[in-house]
Amino acid sequence: MLLRLFHRQALKKLQNHMRYLGSEMAPVSLFSSKACDDQKKSIVEALILSGDDWSVRGIIISGG
């Protein structure tokens, strides 16, 4: 019960910050030493799947 309450409160707190934790900030995480290569690969895959045109932001995503 306590863990469920904690999860709800944590989720609510994160939702309050979504206005600046959106996709615009996702590429910044690629420069973090705290993110492992697998996490960075997942981030890039999510960026590709988002369908956004990242080239207008100076980000070129190429396969390989």
N, C-alpha and C. Protein backbone atom coordinates (compact mmCIF):
# COMPACT_ATOMS: atom_id res chain seq x y z
N MET A 1 0.83 -1.19 0.00
CA MET A 1 0.00 0.00 0.00
C MET A 1 0.87 1.26 0.00
N LEU A 2 1.88 1.28 0.86
CA LEU A 2 2.75 2.44 0.95
C LEU A 2 3.52 2.64 -0.35
N LEU A 3 3.98 1.55 -0.94
CA LEU A 3 4.72 1.63 -2.20
C LEU A 3 3.83 2.18 -3.32
N ARG A 4 2.59 1.77 -3.36
CA ARG A 4 1.63 2.26 -4.37
C ARG A 4 1.42 3.77 -4.21
N LEU A 5 1.30 4.22 -2.98
CA LEU A 5 1.14 5.65 -2.71
C LEU A 5 2.37 6.42 -3.16
N PHE A 6 3.54 5.87 -2.87
CA PHE A 6 4.79 6.50 -3.30
C PHE A 6 4.84 6.62 -4.82
N HIS A 7 4.46 5.54 -5.51
CA HIS A 7 4.49 5.55 -6.98
C HIS A 7 3.56 6.62 -7.52
N ARG A 8 2.37 6.74 -6.95
CA ARG A 8 1.41 7.77 -7.41
C ARG A 8 1.97 9.17 -7.20
N GLN A 9 2.58 9.39 -6.04
CA GLN A 9 3.13 10.71 -5.75
C GLN A 9 4.31 11.03 -6.66
N ALA A 10 5.15 10.05 -6.93
CA ALA A 10 6.29 10.25 -7.81
C ALA A 10 5.82 10.55 -9.23
N LEU A 11 4.82 9.82 -9.70
CA LEU A 11 4.28 10.05 -11.03
C LEU A 11 3.68 11.44 -11.14
N LYS A 12 2.95 11.85 -10.13
CA LYS A 12 2.35 13.19 -10.12
C LYS A 12 3.43 14.27 -10.17
N LYS A 13 4.49 14.07 -9.42
CA LYS A 13 5.60 15.04 -9.41
C LYS A 13 6.24 15.14 -10.79
N LEU A 14 6.46 14.00 -11.43
CA LEU A 14 7.04 14.01 -12.78
C LEU A 14 6.11 14.68 -13.78
N GLN A 15 4.81 14.43 -13.66
CA GLN A 15 3.85 15.05 -14.57
C GLN A 15 3.85 16.56 -14.43
N ASN A 16 4.14 17.06 -13.24
CA ASN A 16 4.21 18.50 -13.03
C ASN A 16 5.38 19.13 -13.76
N HIS A 17 6.38 18.34 -14.09
CA HIS A 17 7.58 18.85 -14.75
C HIS A 17 7.62 18.57 -16.24
N MET A 18 6.59 17.98 -16.80
CA MET A 18 6.60 17.58 -18.20
C MET A 18 6.72 18.76 -19.16
N ARG A 19 6.36 19.96 -18.73
CA ARG A 19 6.43 21.10 -19.65
C ARG A 19 7.86 21.36 -20.10
N TYR A 20 8.84 21.03 -19.30
CA TYR A 20 10.22 21.25 -19.73
C TYR A 20 11.03 19.95 -19.81
N LEU A 21 10.39 18.82 -19.60
CA LEU A 21 11.06 17.53 -19.75
C LEU A 21 10.59 16.81 -21.00
N GLY A 22 10.15 17.57 -21.98
CA GLY A 22 9.62 16.99 -23.20
C GLY A 22 10.70 16.56 -24.18
N SER A 23 10.29 16.32 -25.39
CA SER A 23 11.19 15.79 -26.41
C SER A 23 12.30 16.77 -26.77
N GLU A 24 12.09 18.05 -26.54
CA GLU A 24 13.14 19.03 -26.85
C GLU A 24 14.39 18.80 -26.01
N MET A 25 14.23 18.26 -24.81
CA MET A 25 15.36 18.05 -23.91
C MET A 25 15.97 16.65 -24.03
N ALA A 26 15.30 15.75 -24.73
CA ALA A 26 15.78 14.37 -24.83
C ALA A 26 17.20 14.26 -25.41
N PRO A 27 17.54 15.02 -26.46
CA PRO A 27 18.91 14.88 -27.00
C PRO A 27 20.00 15.27 -26.00
N VAL A 28 19.69 16.12 -25.05
CA VAL A 28 20.69 16.54 -24.05
C VAL A 28 21.19 15.33 -23.26
N SER A 29 20.30 14.37 -23.03
CA SER A 29 20.67 13.20 -22.25
C SER A 29 21.72 12.34 -22.95
N LEU A 30 21.89 12.52 -24.25
CA LEU A 30 22.90 11.76 -24.99
C LEU A 30 24.32 12.14 -24.59
N PHE A 31 24.48 13.29 -23.96
CA PHE A 31 25.80 13.76 -23.54
C PHE A 31 26.10 13.42 -22.09
N SER A 32 25.17 12.76 -21.42
CA SER A 32 25.33 12.44 -20.00
C SER A 32 26.22 11.21 -19.82
N SER A 33 27.15 11.31 -18.88
CA SER A 33 27.97 10.15 -18.55
C SER A 33 27.20 9.17 -17.66
N LYS A 34 26.04 9.60 -17.18
CA LYS A 34 25.22 8.73 -16.32
C LYS A 34 24.33 7.79 -17.13
N ALA A 35 24.18 8.06 -18.42
CA ALA A 35 23.39 7.19 -19.28
C ALA A 35 24.32 6.21 -19.98
N CYS A 36 23.98 4.93 -19.89
CA CYS A 36 24.81 3.92 -20.56
C CYS A 36 24.49 3.90 -22.06
N ASP A 37 25.31 3.20 -22.81
CA ASP A 37 25.13 3.16 -24.26
C ASP A 37 23.78 2.59 -24.67
N ASP A 38 23.29 1.58 -23.95
CA ASP A 38 21.99 1.00 -24.28
C ASP A 38 20.87 2.02 -24.07
N GLN A 39 20.97 2.82 -23.02
CA GLN A 39 19.97 3.85 -22.77
C GLN A 39 20.02 4.91 -23.87
N LYS A 40 21.22 5.30 -24.26
CA LYS A 40 21.37 6.30 -25.31
C LYS A 40 20.82 5.77 -26.64
N LYS A 41 21.05 4.49 -26.90
CA LYS A 41 20.51 3.89 -28.12
C LYS A 41 18.98 3.92 -28.09
N SER A 42 18.40 3.64 -26.95
CA SER A 42 16.94 3.67 -26.81
C SER A 42 16.40 5.09 -27.02
N ILE A 43 17.13 6.07 -26.53
CA ILE A 43 16.72 7.47 -26.71
C ILE A 43 16.73 7.83 -28.19
N VAL A 44 17.80 7.46 -28.89
CA VAL A 44 17.89 7.75 -30.33
C VAL A 44 16.77 7.05 -31.08
N GLU A 45 16.49 5.80 -30.74
CA GLU A 45 15.40 5.07 -31.39
C GLU A 45 14.07 5.77 -31.16
N ALA A 46 13.85 6.27 -29.94
CA ALA A 46 12.61 6.99 -29.63
C ALA A 46 12.53 8.29 -30.42
N LEU A 47 13.67 8.97 -30.58
CA LEU A 47 13.68 10.21 -31.37
C LEU A 47 13.30 9.92 -32.82
N ILE A 48 13.83 8.83 -33.35
CA ILE A 48 13.51 8.45 -34.72
C ILE A 48 12.02 8.12 -34.85
N LEU A 49 11.51 7.35 -33.91
CA LEU A 49 10.11 6.94 -33.95
C LEU A 49 9.15 8.10 -33.73
N SER A 50 9.62 9.19 -33.12
CA SER A 50 8.74 10.33 -32.84
C SER A 50 8.28 10.99 -34.14
N GLY A 51 9.06 10.82 -35.21
CA GLY A 51 8.67 11.42 -36.48
C GLY A 51 8.99 12.90 -36.59
N ASP A 52 9.56 13.49 -35.54
CA ASP A 52 9.92 14.90 -35.58
C ASP A 52 11.08 15.13 -36.53
N ASP A 53 11.16 16.32 -37.09
CA ASP A 53 12.28 16.69 -37.96
C ASP A 53 13.37 17.29 -37.09
N TRP A 54 14.31 16.47 -36.67
CA TRP A 54 15.37 16.91 -35.77
C TRP A 54 16.43 17.72 -36.50
N SER A 55 16.46 17.66 -37.83
CA SER A 55 17.48 18.39 -38.58
C SER A 55 17.31 19.90 -38.40
N VAL A 56 16.09 20.37 -38.17
CA VAL A 56 15.89 21.81 -37.96
C VAL A 56 16.50 22.26 -36.64
N ARG A 57 16.83 21.30 -35.78
CA ARG A 57 17.47 21.61 -34.51
C ARG A 57 18.97 21.34 -34.58
N GLY A 58 19.47 21.03 -35.77
CA GLY A 58 20.88 20.77 -35.95
C GLY A 58 21.28 19.36 -35.58
N ILE A 59 20.29 18.46 -35.44
CA ILE A 59 20.56 17.08 -35.07
C ILE A 59 20.31 16.19 -36.28
N ILE A 60 21.34 15.52 -36.73
CA ILE A 60 21.22 14.62 -37.87
C ILE A 60 21.30 13.19 -37.35
N ILE A 61 20.25 12.41 -37.59
CA ILE A 61 20.22 11.02 -37.14
C ILE A 61 20.36 10.14 -38.37
N SER A 62 21.43 9.36 -38.38
CA SER A 62 21.64 8.46 -39.52
C SER A 62 21.72 7.03 -39.03
N GLY A 63 21.30 6.12 -39.84
CA GLY A 63 21.37 4.70 -39.50
C GLY A 63 22.80 4.21 -39.52
N GLY A 64 23.01 3.10 -38.81
CA GLY A 64 24.36 2.57 -38.88
C GLY A 64 24.80 1.89 -37.74
